[in-house]
Amino acid sequence: MKKKVILRCLIGATIGLSISFIITLIISAIINKKEYYPVVPQLTALYGNELNAVMIQTICSLIYGVAFGGASAIWEVENWSLLKKTIMHCLVTSVSAFPIAYCMYWMPHNFLGSAGYIFIFFFIYFFIWFSQYFAMKKRIKAFNDKVKADSVNN
């Protein structure tokens, strides 16, 4: 299990960094000033220059990915209920995501900014969770129907 968690953390780090980079490209394209904006201006001001800010954001993006990648192993704990897995996974990901998002200025530093981030995080989390749940339920039903049909034919 340890090797699997480590591998997922490494894959998660790569995905986290990739997503962070893609987001900066999308934001730069939306701003449409034909310039690349790798970090928010507040981060550049905080760390003195853009290079320092990009290095810090890169490290945080790696950590963000590690947290999500490692947390994915929670779904494979066989002696936990789905509810316990969901709560633990949600806790691990949200507790690791919020401080990084806050420190990287990915949200306004006020109550509404924090509340908005938390709302969006949980909305996306549970949208994905329910999508996966119902997709899995559909696959299980199809599998059971196939097994039932095969047993009738034999």
N, C-alpha and C. Protein backbone atom coordinates (compact mmCIF):
# COMPACT_ATOMS: atom_id res chain seq x y z
N MET A 1 0.83 -1.20 0.00
CA MET A 1 0.00 0.00 0.00
C MET A 1 0.87 1.26 0.00
N LYS A 2 2.01 1.23 0.73
CA LYS A 2 2.89 2.40 0.79
C LYS A 2 3.41 2.77 -0.59
N LYS A 3 3.82 1.75 -1.35
CA LYS A 3 4.33 2.01 -2.70
C LYS A 3 3.26 2.64 -3.58
N LYS A 4 2.03 2.15 -3.43
CA LYS A 4 0.92 2.67 -4.22
C LYS A 4 0.65 4.14 -3.86
N VAL A 5 0.70 4.47 -2.57
CA VAL A 5 0.47 5.85 -2.14
C VAL A 5 1.58 6.75 -2.67
N ILE A 6 2.83 6.29 -2.58
CA ILE A 6 3.96 7.09 -3.08
C ILE A 6 3.84 7.31 -4.58
N LEU A 7 3.49 6.27 -5.32
CA LEU A 7 3.32 6.40 -6.76
C LEU A 7 2.20 7.38 -7.08
N ARG A 8 1.09 7.28 -6.37
CA ARG A 8 -0.03 8.20 -6.60
C ARG A 8 0.36 9.64 -6.24
N CYS A 9 1.16 9.80 -5.21
CA CYS A 9 1.64 11.15 -4.84
C CYS A 9 2.50 11.72 -5.96
N LEU A 10 3.38 10.91 -6.53
CA LEU A 10 4.24 11.37 -7.63
C LEU A 10 3.41 11.72 -8.86
N ILE A 11 2.46 10.87 -9.19
CA ILE A 11 1.58 11.15 -10.32
C ILE A 11 0.75 12.40 -10.03
N GLY A 12 0.24 12.50 -8.80
CA GLY A 12 -0.54 13.68 -8.41
C GLY A 12 0.27 14.96 -8.51
N ALA A 13 1.54 14.90 -8.11
CA ALA A 13 2.41 16.09 -8.19
C ALA A 13 2.53 16.54 -9.64
N THR A 14 2.73 15.60 -10.54
CA THR A 14 2.84 15.92 -11.96
C THR A 14 1.54 16.52 -12.49
N ILE A 15 0.42 15.92 -12.11
CA ILE A 15 -0.88 16.42 -12.55
C ILE A 15 -1.15 17.80 -11.95
N GLY A 16 -0.85 17.97 -10.67
CA GLY A 16 -1.05 19.27 -10.01
C GLY A 16 -0.27 20.38 -10.69
N LEU A 17 0.98 20.10 -11.03
CA LEU A 17 1.81 21.09 -11.71
C LEU A 17 1.28 21.38 -13.11
N SER A 18 0.87 20.33 -13.81
CA SER A 18 0.33 20.50 -15.16
C SER A 18 -0.95 21.33 -15.15
N ILE A 19 -1.85 21.02 -14.23
CA ILE A 19 -3.11 21.78 -14.14
C ILE A 19 -2.82 23.24 -13.81
N SER A 20 -1.91 23.47 -12.89
CA SER A 20 -1.56 24.84 -12.51
C SER A 20 -1.04 25.61 -13.73
N PHE A 21 -0.18 24.98 -14.50
CA PHE A 21 0.36 25.63 -15.69
C PHE A 21 -0.73 25.91 -16.72
N ILE A 22 -1.60 24.93 -16.94
CA ILE A 22 -2.69 25.10 -17.91
C ILE A 22 -3.62 26.22 -17.48
N ILE A 23 -3.91 26.30 -16.18
CA ILE A 23 -4.77 27.38 -15.68
C ILE A 23 -4.14 28.74 -15.95
N THR A 24 -2.82 28.86 -15.74
CA THR A 24 -2.17 30.15 -16.00
C THR A 24 -2.23 30.50 -17.49
N LEU A 25 -2.13 29.50 -18.35
CA LEU A 25 -2.26 29.75 -19.79
C LEU A 25 -3.66 30.22 -20.14
N ILE A 26 -4.67 29.56 -19.57
CA ILE A 26 -6.07 29.93 -19.84
C ILE A 26 -6.34 31.36 -19.34
N ILE A 27 -5.91 31.65 -18.13
CA ILE A 27 -6.12 32.99 -17.58
C ILE A 27 -5.42 34.04 -18.43
N SER A 28 -4.19 33.74 -18.86
CA SER A 28 -3.45 34.68 -19.71
C SER A 28 -4.17 34.90 -21.04
N ALA A 29 -4.75 33.85 -21.61
CA ALA A 29 -5.48 33.97 -22.87
C ALA A 29 -6.76 34.77 -22.67
N ILE A 30 -7.44 34.58 -21.54
CA ILE A 30 -8.67 35.31 -21.25
C ILE A 30 -8.38 36.81 -21.07
N ILE A 31 -7.29 37.12 -20.37
CA ILE A 31 -6.92 38.53 -20.18
C ILE A 31 -6.62 39.18 -21.54
N ASN A 32 -6.06 38.39 -22.45
CA ASN A 32 -5.89 38.76 -23.85
C ASN A 32 -5.06 40.03 -24.08
N LYS A 33 -3.97 40.14 -23.36
CA LYS A 33 -3.04 41.26 -23.61
C LYS A 33 -1.76 40.76 -24.28
N LYS A 34 -1.83 39.54 -24.80
CA LYS A 34 -0.69 38.91 -25.49
C LYS A 34 0.53 38.79 -24.58
N GLU A 35 0.27 38.62 -23.30
CA GLU A 35 1.33 38.40 -22.31
C GLU A 35 0.96 37.18 -21.49
N TYR A 36 1.98 36.58 -20.90
CA TYR A 36 1.77 35.41 -20.03
C TYR A 36 1.78 35.87 -18.58
N TYR A 37 0.77 35.48 -17.83
CA TYR A 37 0.66 35.84 -16.41
C TYR A 37 0.81 34.55 -15.58
N PRO A 38 2.03 34.25 -15.13
CA PRO A 38 2.24 32.98 -14.42
C PRO A 38 1.72 32.97 -12.99
N VAL A 39 1.59 34.13 -12.37
CA VAL A 39 1.10 34.23 -10.99
C VAL A 39 0.27 35.50 -10.85
N VAL A 40 -0.51 35.56 -9.78
CA VAL A 40 -1.28 36.77 -9.52
C VAL A 40 -0.33 37.86 -9.02
N PRO A 41 -0.65 39.11 -9.30
CA PRO A 41 0.24 40.22 -8.89
C PRO A 41 0.54 40.25 -7.39
N GLN A 42 -0.44 39.87 -6.56
CA GLN A 42 -0.22 39.89 -5.10
C GLN A 42 0.92 38.95 -4.70
N LEU A 43 1.04 37.82 -5.39
CA LEU A 43 2.10 36.86 -5.07
C LEU A 43 3.46 37.42 -5.46
N THR A 44 3.51 38.08 -6.61
CA THR A 44 4.76 38.72 -7.03
C THR A 44 5.18 39.78 -6.02
N ALA A 45 4.22 40.58 -5.57
CA ALA A 45 4.52 41.63 -4.58
C ALA A 45 4.99 41.02 -3.27
N LEU A 46 4.35 39.93 -2.87
CA LEU A 46 4.70 39.28 -1.60
C LEU A 46 6.12 38.72 -1.62
N TYR A 47 6.52 38.12 -2.73
CA TYR A 47 7.84 37.47 -2.79
C TYR A 47 8.90 38.31 -3.49
N GLY A 48 8.59 39.56 -3.82
CA GLY A 48 9.60 40.48 -4.31
C GLY A 48 9.81 40.50 -5.80
N ASN A 49 9.60 39.37 -6.46
CA ASN A 49 9.73 39.33 -7.92
C ASN A 49 8.96 38.13 -8.47
N GLU A 50 8.78 38.16 -9.78
CA GLU A 50 7.97 37.13 -10.43
C GLU A 50 8.62 35.75 -10.34
N LEU A 51 9.95 35.68 -10.47
CA LEU A 51 10.63 34.39 -10.42
C LEU A 51 10.41 33.70 -9.06
N ASN A 52 10.60 34.43 -7.98
CA ASN A 52 10.36 33.85 -6.65
C ASN A 52 8.91 33.39 -6.50
N ALA A 53 7.98 34.22 -6.98
CA ALA A 53 6.56 33.88 -6.88
C ALA A 53 6.24 32.61 -7.69
N VAL A 54 6.81 32.49 -8.88
CA VAL A 54 6.59 31.30 -9.71
C VAL A 54 7.18 30.06 -9.04
N MET A 55 8.35 30.20 -8.44
CA MET A 55 8.95 29.04 -7.75
C MET A 55 8.07 28.59 -6.58
N ILE A 56 7.58 29.53 -5.79
CA ILE A 56 6.71 29.19 -4.66
C ILE A 56 5.41 28.57 -5.16
N GLN A 57 4.81 29.15 -6.22
CA GLN A 57 3.58 28.58 -6.75
C GLN A 57 3.82 27.18 -7.32
N THR A 58 4.97 26.96 -7.93
CA THR A 58 5.30 25.64 -8.46
C THR A 58 5.37 24.62 -7.34
N ILE A 59 6.05 24.97 -6.26
CA ILE A 59 6.14 24.07 -5.11
C ILE A 59 4.75 23.79 -4.53
N CYS A 60 3.94 24.82 -4.39
CA CYS A 60 2.59 24.65 -3.85
C CYS A 60 1.71 23.81 -4.77
N SER A 61 1.88 23.98 -6.08
CA SER A 61 1.12 23.18 -7.04
C SER A 61 1.52 21.70 -6.94
N LEU A 62 2.80 21.46 -6.73
CA LEU A 62 3.26 20.08 -6.53
C LEU A 62 2.65 19.49 -5.25
N ILE A 63 2.67 20.27 -4.18
CA ILE A 63 2.09 19.81 -2.90
C ILE A 63 0.59 19.55 -3.05
N TYR A 64 -0.09 20.44 -3.74
CA TYR A 64 -1.52 20.30 -4.00
C TYR A 64 -1.79 18.97 -4.70
N GLY A 65 -1.01 18.69 -5.74
CA GLY A 65 -1.15 17.44 -6.48
C GLY A 65 -0.81 16.22 -5.64
N VAL A 66 0.23 16.33 -4.81
CA VAL A 66 0.60 15.23 -3.92
C VAL A 66 -0.55 14.89 -2.97
N ALA A 67 -1.17 15.93 -2.41
CA ALA A 67 -2.28 15.72 -1.48
C ALA A 67 -3.44 14.99 -2.16
N PHE A 68 -3.81 15.44 -3.34
CA PHE A 68 -4.92 14.80 -4.05
C PHE A 68 -4.55 13.41 -4.53
N GLY A 69 -3.33 13.25 -5.03
CA GLY A 69 -2.89 11.92 -5.48
C GLY A 69 -2.83 10.93 -4.34
N GLY A 70 -2.22 11.34 -3.23
CA GLY A 70 -2.14 10.45 -2.06
C GLY A 70 -3.50 10.13 -1.48
N ALA A 71 -4.38 11.14 -1.46
CA ALA A 71 -5.72 10.93 -0.91
C ALA A 71 -6.54 9.93 -1.72
N SER A 72 -6.20 9.75 -2.98
CA SER A 72 -6.96 8.81 -3.81
C SER A 72 -6.84 7.37 -3.30
N ALA A 73 -5.79 7.09 -2.54
CA ALA A 73 -5.63 5.74 -1.97
C ALA A 73 -6.69 5.44 -0.91
N ILE A 74 -7.30 6.49 -0.37
CA ILE A 74 -8.36 6.30 0.63
C ILE A 74 -9.49 5.44 0.07
N TRP A 75 -9.77 5.60 -1.23
CA TRP A 75 -10.89 4.85 -1.84
C TRP A 75 -10.64 3.36 -1.87
N GLU A 76 -9.41 2.94 -1.64
CA GLU A 76 -9.09 1.51 -1.69
C GLU A 76 -9.03 0.84 -0.32
N VAL A 77 -9.34 1.57 0.74
CA VAL A 77 -9.37 0.97 2.07
C VAL A 77 -10.64 0.13 2.15
N GLU A 78 -10.48 -1.16 2.12
CA GLU A 78 -11.62 -2.05 1.97
C GLU A 78 -12.50 -2.16 3.20
N ASN A 79 -11.96 -1.97 4.39
CA ASN A 79 -12.77 -2.16 5.59
C ASN A 79 -13.46 -0.87 6.05
N TRP A 80 -13.44 0.18 5.21
CA TRP A 80 -14.15 1.42 5.52
C TRP A 80 -15.42 1.50 4.69
N SER A 81 -16.44 2.10 5.26
CA SER A 81 -17.68 2.33 4.52
C SER A 81 -17.48 3.43 3.48
N LEU A 82 -18.38 3.50 2.53
CA LEU A 82 -18.31 4.57 1.54
C LEU A 82 -18.41 5.94 2.20
N LEU A 83 -19.26 6.05 3.21
CA LEU A 83 -19.40 7.32 3.93
C LEU A 83 -18.08 7.73 4.59
N LYS A 84 -17.43 6.79 5.27
CA LYS A 84 -16.16 7.09 5.94
C LYS A 84 -15.08 7.47 4.91
N LYS A 85 -15.03 6.75 3.81
CA LYS A 85 -14.05 7.07 2.76
C LYS A 85 -14.30 8.47 2.21
N THR A 86 -15.57 8.77 1.98
CA THR A 86 -15.92 10.09 1.43
C THR A 86 -15.53 11.20 2.39
N ILE A 87 -15.87 11.03 3.66
CA ILE A 87 -15.55 12.05 4.67
C ILE A 87 -14.04 12.22 4.80
N MET A 88 -13.31 11.13 4.87
CA MET A 88 -11.85 11.21 5.02
C MET A 88 -11.21 11.85 3.78
N HIS A 89 -11.64 11.43 2.61
CA HIS A 89 -11.07 11.98 1.37
C HIS A 89 -11.38 13.47 1.27
N CYS A 90 -12.62 13.83 1.56
CA CYS A 90 -13.03 15.23 1.51
C CYS A 90 -12.23 16.06 2.52
N LEU A 91 -12.04 15.54 3.72
CA LEU A 91 -11.26 16.24 4.74
C LEU A 91 -9.81 16.45 4.30
N VAL A 92 -9.18 15.38 3.84
CA VAL A 92 -7.77 15.46 3.44
C VAL A 92 -7.59 16.46 2.30
N THR A 93 -8.45 16.37 1.29
CA THR A 93 -8.28 17.25 0.14
C THR A 93 -8.63 18.70 0.47
N SER A 94 -9.70 18.91 1.22
CA SER A 94 -10.09 20.29 1.52
C SER A 94 -9.12 20.96 2.50
N VAL A 95 -8.65 20.20 3.49
CA VAL A 95 -7.71 20.77 4.47
C VAL A 95 -6.36 21.08 3.82
N SER A 96 -5.99 20.34 2.80
CA SER A 96 -4.73 20.64 2.12
C SER A 96 -4.92 21.70 1.04
N ALA A 97 -6.09 21.75 0.43
CA ALA A 97 -6.32 22.69 -0.68
C ALA A 97 -6.51 24.13 -0.20
N PHE A 98 -7.28 24.32 0.85
CA PHE A 98 -7.61 25.68 1.27
C PHE A 98 -6.38 26.53 1.62
N PRO A 99 -5.48 26.04 2.47
CA PRO A 99 -4.33 26.91 2.80
C PRO A 99 -3.45 27.24 1.59
N ILE A 100 -3.31 26.29 0.69
CA ILE A 100 -2.51 26.55 -0.51
C ILE A 100 -3.21 27.61 -1.36
N ALA A 101 -4.50 27.44 -1.59
CA ALA A 101 -5.25 28.41 -2.39
C ALA A 101 -5.20 29.80 -1.75
N TYR A 102 -5.29 29.83 -0.44
CA TYR A 102 -5.25 31.12 0.28
C TYR A 102 -3.88 31.77 0.14
N CYS A 103 -2.84 31.01 0.40
CA CYS A 103 -1.47 31.55 0.35
C CYS A 103 -1.04 31.95 -1.06
N MET A 104 -1.59 31.30 -2.07
CA MET A 104 -1.25 31.62 -3.46
C MET A 104 -2.12 32.73 -4.03
N TYR A 105 -3.02 33.28 -3.20
CA TYR A 105 -3.92 34.35 -3.62
C TYR A 105 -4.83 33.88 -4.76
N TRP A 106 -5.22 32.61 -4.74
CA TRP A 106 -6.16 32.09 -5.73
C TRP A 106 -7.59 32.48 -5.35
N MET A 107 -7.72 33.23 -4.26
CA MET A 107 -9.01 33.74 -3.81
C MET A 107 -8.76 35.07 -3.11
N PRO A 108 -9.76 35.93 -3.07
CA PRO A 108 -9.59 37.18 -2.31
C PRO A 108 -9.40 36.88 -0.82
N HIS A 109 -8.59 37.66 -0.17
CA HIS A 109 -8.30 37.47 1.25
C HIS A 109 -9.31 38.23 2.11
N ASN A 110 -10.54 37.78 2.04
CA ASN A 110 -11.59 38.32 2.90
C ASN A 110 -12.62 37.21 3.12
N PHE A 111 -13.60 37.50 3.94
CA PHE A 111 -14.59 36.48 4.28
C PHE A 111 -15.31 35.95 3.04
N LEU A 112 -15.77 36.86 2.18
CA LEU A 112 -16.51 36.44 0.99
C LEU A 112 -15.64 35.62 0.04
N GLY A 113 -14.38 36.01 -0.10
CA GLY A 113 -13.46 35.25 -0.95
C GLY A 113 -13.24 33.85 -0.42
N SER A 114 -13.03 33.73 0.89
CA SER A 114 -12.83 32.42 1.50
C SER A 114 -14.10 31.58 1.43
N ALA A 115 -15.23 32.19 1.75
CA ALA A 115 -16.51 31.47 1.71
C ALA A 115 -16.82 31.03 0.29
N GLY A 116 -16.55 31.91 -0.67
CA GLY A 116 -16.78 31.56 -2.07
C GLY A 116 -15.91 30.41 -2.52
N TYR A 117 -14.64 30.44 -2.12
CA TYR A 117 -13.73 29.33 -2.47
C TYR A 117 -14.22 28.02 -1.87
N ILE A 118 -14.59 28.06 -0.60
CA ILE A 118 -15.06 26.85 0.08
C ILE A 118 -16.33 26.32 -0.59
N PHE A 119 -17.25 27.22 -0.91
CA PHE A 119 -18.48 26.80 -1.58
C PHE A 119 -18.18 26.15 -2.93
N ILE A 120 -17.34 26.80 -3.72
CA ILE A 120 -17.00 26.25 -5.04
C ILE A 120 -16.27 24.92 -4.90
N PHE A 121 -15.35 24.83 -3.94
CA PHE A 121 -14.62 23.57 -3.73
C PHE A 121 -15.59 22.43 -3.44
N PHE A 122 -16.48 22.64 -2.46
CA PHE A 122 -17.40 21.57 -2.09
C PHE A 122 -18.43 21.29 -3.18
N PHE A 123 -18.85 22.32 -3.90
CA PHE A 123 -19.78 22.10 -5.01
C PHE A 123 -19.13 21.20 -6.06
N ILE A 124 -17.91 21.52 -6.47
CA ILE A 124 -17.20 20.70 -7.46
C ILE A 124 -16.92 19.31 -6.90
N TYR A 125 -16.50 19.24 -5.64
CA TYR A 125 -16.20 17.95 -5.02
C TYR A 125 -17.42 17.03 -5.08
N PHE A 126 -18.55 17.53 -4.62
CA PHE A 126 -19.73 16.67 -4.58
C PHE A 126 -20.35 16.45 -5.95
N PHE A 127 -20.17 17.36 -6.88
CA PHE A 127 -20.61 17.12 -8.26
C PHE A 127 -19.83 15.94 -8.84
N ILE A 128 -18.52 15.96 -8.66
CA ILE A 128 -17.68 14.85 -9.15
C ILE A 128 -18.03 13.57 -8.41
N TRP A 129 -18.22 13.66 -7.08
CA TRP A 129 -18.52 12.47 -6.29
C TRP A 129 -19.82 11.82 -6.77
N PHE A 130 -20.87 12.61 -6.92
CA PHE A 130 -22.16 12.05 -7.36
C PHE A 130 -22.07 11.52 -8.78
N SER A 131 -21.34 12.20 -9.64
CA SER A 131 -21.16 11.71 -11.02
C SER A 131 -20.49 10.34 -11.01
N GLN A 132 -19.44 10.22 -10.23
CA GLN A 132 -18.72 8.95 -10.14
C GLN A 132 -19.59 7.86 -9.51
N TYR A 133 -20.32 8.24 -8.48
CA TYR A 133 -21.18 7.28 -7.78
C TYR A 133 -22.23 6.69 -8.73
N PHE A 134 -22.92 7.56 -9.46
CA PHE A 134 -23.97 7.07 -10.35
C PHE A 134 -23.41 6.35 -11.56
N ALA A 135 -22.24 6.76 -12.04
CA ALA A 135 -21.60 6.04 -13.14
C ALA A 135 -21.19 4.64 -12.69
N MET A 136 -20.65 4.53 -11.48
CA MET A 136 -20.26 3.22 -10.95
C MET A 136 -21.49 2.35 -10.72
N LYS A 137 -22.54 2.94 -10.20
CA LYS A 137 -23.78 2.20 -9.97
C LYS A 137 -24.32 1.64 -11.29
N LYS A 138 -24.25 2.43 -12.35
CA LYS A 138 -24.71 2.00 -13.67
C LYS A 138 -23.84 0.85 -14.19
N ARG A 139 -22.51 0.94 -14.01
CA ARG A 139 -21.61 -0.13 -14.46
C ARG A 139 -21.86 -1.41 -13.69
N ILE A 140 -22.11 -1.29 -12.39
CA ILE A 140 -22.37 -2.48 -11.57
C ILE A 140 -23.68 -3.14 -12.02
N LYS A 141 -24.69 -2.34 -12.29
CA LYS A 141 -25.97 -2.89 -12.76
C LYS A 141 -25.78 -3.60 -14.09
N ALA A 142 -25.04 -3.00 -15.01
CA ALA A 142 -24.78 -3.62 -16.31
C ALA A 142 -24.02 -4.93 -16.13
N PHE A 143 -23.04 -4.93 -15.24
CA PHE A 143 -22.28 -6.15 -14.97
C PHE A 143 -23.19 -7.23 -14.39
N ASN A 144 -24.01 -6.87 -13.41
CA ASN A 144 -24.93 -7.84 -12.80
C ASN A 144 -25.93 -8.37 -13.82
N ASP A 145 -26.44 -7.49 -14.68
CA ASP A 145 -27.37 -7.93 -15.73
C ASP A 145 -26.69 -8.91 -16.68
N LYS A 146 -25.43 -8.67 -17.01
CA LYS A 146 -24.68 -9.57 -17.90
C LYS A 146 -24.46 -10.91 -17.23
N VAL A 147 -24.09 -10.89 -15.94
CA VAL A 147 -23.89 -12.14 -15.20
C VAL A 147 -25.20 -12.93 -15.14
N LYS A 148 -26.30 -12.23 -14.86
CA LYS A 148 -27.60 -12.86 -14.80
C LYS A 148 -27.98 -13.48 -16.16
N ALA A 149 -27.73 -12.75 -17.24
CA ALA A 149 -28.04 -13.25 -18.59
C ALA A 149 -27.17 -14.44 -18.94
N ASP A 150 -25.90 -14.38 -18.56
CA ASP A 150 -24.99 -15.50 -18.83
C ASP A 150 -25.40 -16.74 -18.06
N SER A 151 -25.84 -16.57 -16.83
CA SER A 151 -26.24 -17.74 -16.02
C SER A 151 -27.53 -18.35 -16.56
N VAL A 152 -28.42 -17.56 -17.11
CA VAL A 152 -29.66 -18.07 -17.69
C VAL A 152 -29.35 -18.84 -18.98
N ASN A 153 -28.39 -18.37 -19.76
CA ASN A 153 -28.02 -19.00 -21.02
C ASN A 153 -27.24 -20.30 -20.83
N ASN A 154 -26.66 -20.51 -19.69
CA ASN A 154 -25.84 -21.72 -19.46
C ASN A 154 -26.60 -22.74 -18.75
